[in-house]
Amino acid sequence: MLVFAGLGNPGAKYANNRHNVGFMAVDAVARRHSFSPWSKKFQGLIAEGTLAGEKILLIKPQTFMNLSGQAVG
């Protein structure tokens, strides 16, 4: 299993901010490859799926950028 963490800041206020490019990237992967719906887990939002036969876990930490290690670590 591989884990991809898309970093950013949660909330509508930051949705299209350049600091949220990590969230945008994992959203695009999840959408294009029909991953599971996002669910709350590990202080973040996760989606699961497969790419090239490899199980992938996508995570969007909901702890804000400077504290993202709490959700990923």
N, C-alpha and C. Protein backbone atom coordinates (compact mmCIF):
# COMPACT_ATOMS: atom_id res chain seq x y z
N MET A 1 0.84 -1.18 0.00
CA MET A 1 0.00 0.00 0.00
C MET A 1 0.89 1.24 0.00
N LEU A 2 0.46 2.21 -0.79
CA LEU A 2 1.13 3.51 -0.82
C LEU A 2 0.19 4.56 -0.26
N VAL A 3 0.75 5.53 0.43
CA VAL A 3 -0.03 6.64 0.99
C VAL A 3 0.43 7.93 0.33
N PHE A 4 -0.53 8.67 -0.20
CA PHE A 4 -0.25 9.99 -0.77
C PHE A 4 -0.98 11.02 0.07
N ALA A 5 -0.23 11.95 0.65
CA ALA A 5 -0.82 13.01 1.47
C ALA A 5 -0.82 14.30 0.67
N GLY A 6 -2.01 14.82 0.45
CA GLY A 6 -2.15 16.11 -0.22
C GLY A 6 -2.27 17.19 0.85
N LEU A 7 -1.28 18.04 0.96
CA LEU A 7 -1.28 19.04 2.02
C LEU A 7 -2.06 20.29 1.63
N GLY A 8 -2.68 20.90 2.63
CA GLY A 8 -3.44 22.12 2.42
C GLY A 8 -4.08 22.55 3.72
N ASN A 9 -4.93 23.54 3.64
CA ASN A 9 -5.67 24.04 4.80
C ASN A 9 -7.15 23.75 4.59
N PRO A 10 -7.83 23.21 5.61
CA PRO A 10 -9.24 22.88 5.47
C PRO A 10 -10.13 24.13 5.47
N GLY A 11 -11.32 23.98 4.93
CA GLY A 11 -12.30 25.05 4.96
C GLY A 11 -12.47 25.77 3.64
N ALA A 12 -13.68 26.25 3.42
CA ALA A 12 -14.02 26.95 2.17
C ALA A 12 -13.17 28.20 1.96
N LYS A 13 -12.77 28.83 3.05
CA LYS A 13 -11.96 30.06 2.96
C LYS A 13 -10.67 29.83 2.17
N TYR A 14 -10.13 28.63 2.25
CA TYR A 14 -8.84 28.32 1.62
C TYR A 14 -8.97 27.45 0.36
N ALA A 15 -10.18 27.13 -0.06
CA ALA A 15 -10.43 26.14 -1.11
C ALA A 15 -9.59 26.33 -2.37
N ASN A 16 -9.49 27.51 -2.91
CA ASN A 16 -8.75 27.72 -4.15
C ASN A 16 -7.44 28.46 -3.95
N ASN A 17 -6.93 28.41 -2.74
CA ASN A 17 -5.67 29.05 -2.40
C ASN A 17 -4.50 28.23 -2.95
N ARG A 18 -3.43 28.86 -3.35
CA ARG A 18 -2.28 28.14 -3.89
C ARG A 18 -1.67 27.17 -2.89
N HIS A 19 -1.87 27.42 -1.61
CA HIS A 19 -1.34 26.52 -0.59
C HIS A 19 -2.11 25.21 -0.54
N ASN A 20 -3.23 25.13 -1.23
CA ASN A 20 -4.05 23.92 -1.23
C ASN A 20 -3.84 23.07 -2.48
N VAL A 21 -2.77 23.27 -3.19
CA VAL A 21 -2.53 22.49 -4.40
C VAL A 21 -2.44 21.00 -4.08
N GLY A 22 -2.00 20.64 -2.88
CA GLY A 22 -1.96 19.23 -2.49
C GLY A 22 -3.35 18.63 -2.41
N PHE A 23 -4.29 19.37 -1.82
CA PHE A 23 -5.69 18.92 -1.76
C PHE A 23 -6.23 18.76 -3.18
N MET A 24 -5.93 19.73 -4.04
CA MET A 24 -6.43 19.70 -5.41
C MET A 24 -5.88 18.49 -6.16
N ALA A 25 -4.62 18.16 -5.93
CA ALA A 25 -3.99 17.03 -6.62
C ALA A 25 -4.62 15.70 -6.21
N VAL A 26 -4.80 15.47 -4.90
CA VAL A 26 -5.40 14.19 -4.50
C VAL A 26 -6.88 14.14 -4.86
N ASP A 27 -7.56 15.28 -4.89
CA ASP A 27 -8.95 15.31 -5.37
C ASP A 27 -9.01 14.85 -6.83
N ALA A 28 -8.07 15.33 -7.64
CA ALA A 28 -8.04 14.96 -9.06
C ALA A 28 -7.76 13.47 -9.24
N VAL A 29 -6.82 12.93 -8.48
CA VAL A 29 -6.52 11.49 -8.55
C VAL A 29 -7.75 10.68 -8.16
N ALA A 30 -8.38 11.06 -7.05
CA ALA A 30 -9.57 10.33 -6.57
C ALA A 30 -10.69 10.36 -7.61
N ARG A 31 -10.90 11.49 -8.21
CA ARG A 31 -11.98 11.66 -9.20
C ARG A 31 -11.68 10.88 -10.48
N ARG A 32 -10.47 11.01 -10.99
CA ARG A 32 -10.12 10.38 -12.27
C ARG A 32 -10.03 8.87 -12.19
N HIS A 33 -9.76 8.34 -11.00
CA HIS A 33 -9.56 6.90 -10.87
C HIS A 33 -10.63 6.23 -10.01
N SER A 34 -11.75 6.90 -9.84
CA SER A 34 -12.92 6.34 -9.14
C SER A 34 -12.60 5.77 -7.77
N PHE A 35 -11.89 6.54 -6.96
CA PHE A 35 -11.59 6.12 -5.59
C PHE A 35 -12.87 6.17 -4.76
N SER A 36 -12.80 5.59 -3.57
CA SER A 36 -13.95 5.62 -2.66
C SER A 36 -14.27 7.07 -2.28
N PRO A 37 -15.49 7.32 -1.81
CA PRO A 37 -15.80 8.67 -1.33
C PRO A 37 -14.89 9.04 -0.15
N TRP A 38 -14.66 10.32 0.04
CA TRP A 38 -13.85 10.80 1.16
C TRP A 38 -14.58 10.51 2.46
N SER A 39 -13.82 10.02 3.47
CA SER A 39 -14.39 9.78 4.79
C SER A 39 -13.42 10.30 5.85
N LYS A 40 -13.95 10.62 7.03
CA LYS A 40 -13.12 11.17 8.11
C LYS A 40 -12.41 10.04 8.84
N LYS A 41 -11.09 10.18 8.98
CA LYS A 41 -10.27 9.19 9.68
C LYS A 41 -8.87 9.77 9.85
N PHE A 42 -8.18 9.41 10.93
CA PHE A 42 -6.79 9.84 11.14
C PHE A 42 -6.61 11.35 11.12
N GLN A 43 -7.51 12.12 11.69
CA GLN A 43 -7.44 13.58 11.68
C GLN A 43 -7.40 14.14 10.26
N GLY A 44 -8.06 13.45 9.36
CA GLY A 44 -8.08 13.90 7.98
C GLY A 44 -9.23 13.27 7.22
N LEU A 45 -9.24 13.51 5.94
CA LEU A 45 -10.19 12.87 5.04
C LEU A 45 -9.41 11.87 4.21
N ILE A 46 -9.93 10.65 4.07
CA ILE A 46 -9.23 9.63 3.30
C ILE A 46 -10.11 9.08 2.19
N ALA A 47 -9.46 8.63 1.14
CA ALA A 47 -10.11 7.93 0.03
C ALA A 47 -9.19 6.79 -0.36
N GLU A 48 -9.77 5.65 -0.71
CA GLU A 48 -8.99 4.48 -1.08
C GLU A 48 -9.29 4.05 -2.50
N GLY A 49 -8.29 3.47 -3.15
CA GLY A 49 -8.47 2.96 -4.50
C GLY A 49 -7.23 2.22 -4.94
N THR A 50 -7.17 1.93 -6.22
CA THR A 50 -6.00 1.25 -6.77
C THR A 50 -5.51 1.97 -8.03
N LEU A 51 -4.21 1.93 -8.22
CA LEU A 51 -3.56 2.46 -9.42
C LEU A 51 -2.54 1.43 -9.86
N ALA A 52 -2.63 1.00 -11.09
CA ALA A 52 -1.68 0.02 -11.64
C ALA A 52 -1.55 -1.21 -10.74
N GLY A 53 -2.67 -1.65 -10.16
CA GLY A 53 -2.68 -2.83 -9.31
C GLY A 53 -2.19 -2.61 -7.89
N GLU A 54 -1.81 -1.41 -7.54
CA GLU A 54 -1.30 -1.08 -6.20
C GLU A 54 -2.39 -0.38 -5.40
N LYS A 55 -2.61 -0.85 -4.16
CA LYS A 55 -3.59 -0.19 -3.29
C LYS A 55 -3.03 1.17 -2.86
N ILE A 56 -3.88 2.20 -2.95
CA ILE A 56 -3.47 3.57 -2.65
C ILE A 56 -4.42 4.17 -1.62
N LEU A 57 -3.86 4.85 -0.64
CA LEU A 57 -4.63 5.61 0.34
C LEU A 57 -4.29 7.08 0.14
N LEU A 58 -5.30 7.88 -0.14
CA LEU A 58 -5.12 9.33 -0.26
C LEU A 58 -5.58 9.96 1.04
N ILE A 59 -4.86 10.95 1.52
CA ILE A 59 -5.26 11.63 2.75
C ILE A 59 -5.13 13.14 2.57
N LYS A 60 -6.14 13.84 3.06
CA LYS A 60 -6.12 15.31 3.13
C LYS A 60 -6.20 15.67 4.62
N PRO A 61 -5.05 15.97 5.25
CA PRO A 61 -5.06 16.32 6.67
C PRO A 61 -5.99 17.50 6.93
N GLN A 62 -6.72 17.44 8.03
CA GLN A 62 -7.64 18.52 8.40
C GLN A 62 -7.11 19.30 9.59
N THR A 63 -5.79 19.30 9.75
CA THR A 63 -5.13 19.93 10.90
C THR A 63 -4.43 21.24 10.54
N PHE A 64 -4.66 21.74 9.35
CA PHE A 64 -3.99 22.92 8.80
C PHE A 64 -2.54 22.58 8.44
N MET A 65 -2.01 23.30 7.50
CA MET A 65 -0.71 23.01 6.89
C MET A 65 0.41 22.81 7.91
N ASN A 66 0.55 23.70 8.86
CA ASN A 66 1.68 23.63 9.79
C ASN A 66 1.59 22.48 10.78
N LEU A 67 0.43 21.82 10.88
CA LEU A 67 0.27 20.70 11.79
C LEU A 67 -0.05 19.41 11.05
N SER A 68 0.20 19.35 9.76
CA SER A 68 -0.19 18.20 8.95
C SER A 68 0.48 16.90 9.39
N GLY A 69 1.62 16.97 10.02
CA GLY A 69 2.30 15.78 10.50
C GLY A 69 1.48 15.00 11.51
N GLN A 70 0.60 15.66 12.24
CA GLN A 70 -0.25 14.97 13.21
C GLN A 70 -1.18 13.98 12.51
N ALA A 71 -1.65 14.31 11.34
CA ALA A 71 -2.57 13.43 10.61
C ALA A 71 -1.83 12.40 9.77
N VAL A 72 -0.64 12.73 9.33
CA VAL A 72 0.10 11.86 8.42
C VAL A 72 1.06 10.93 9.16
N GLY A 73 1.67 11.42 10.23
CA GLY A 73 2.69 10.67 10.96
C GLY A 73 2.19 9.58 11.72
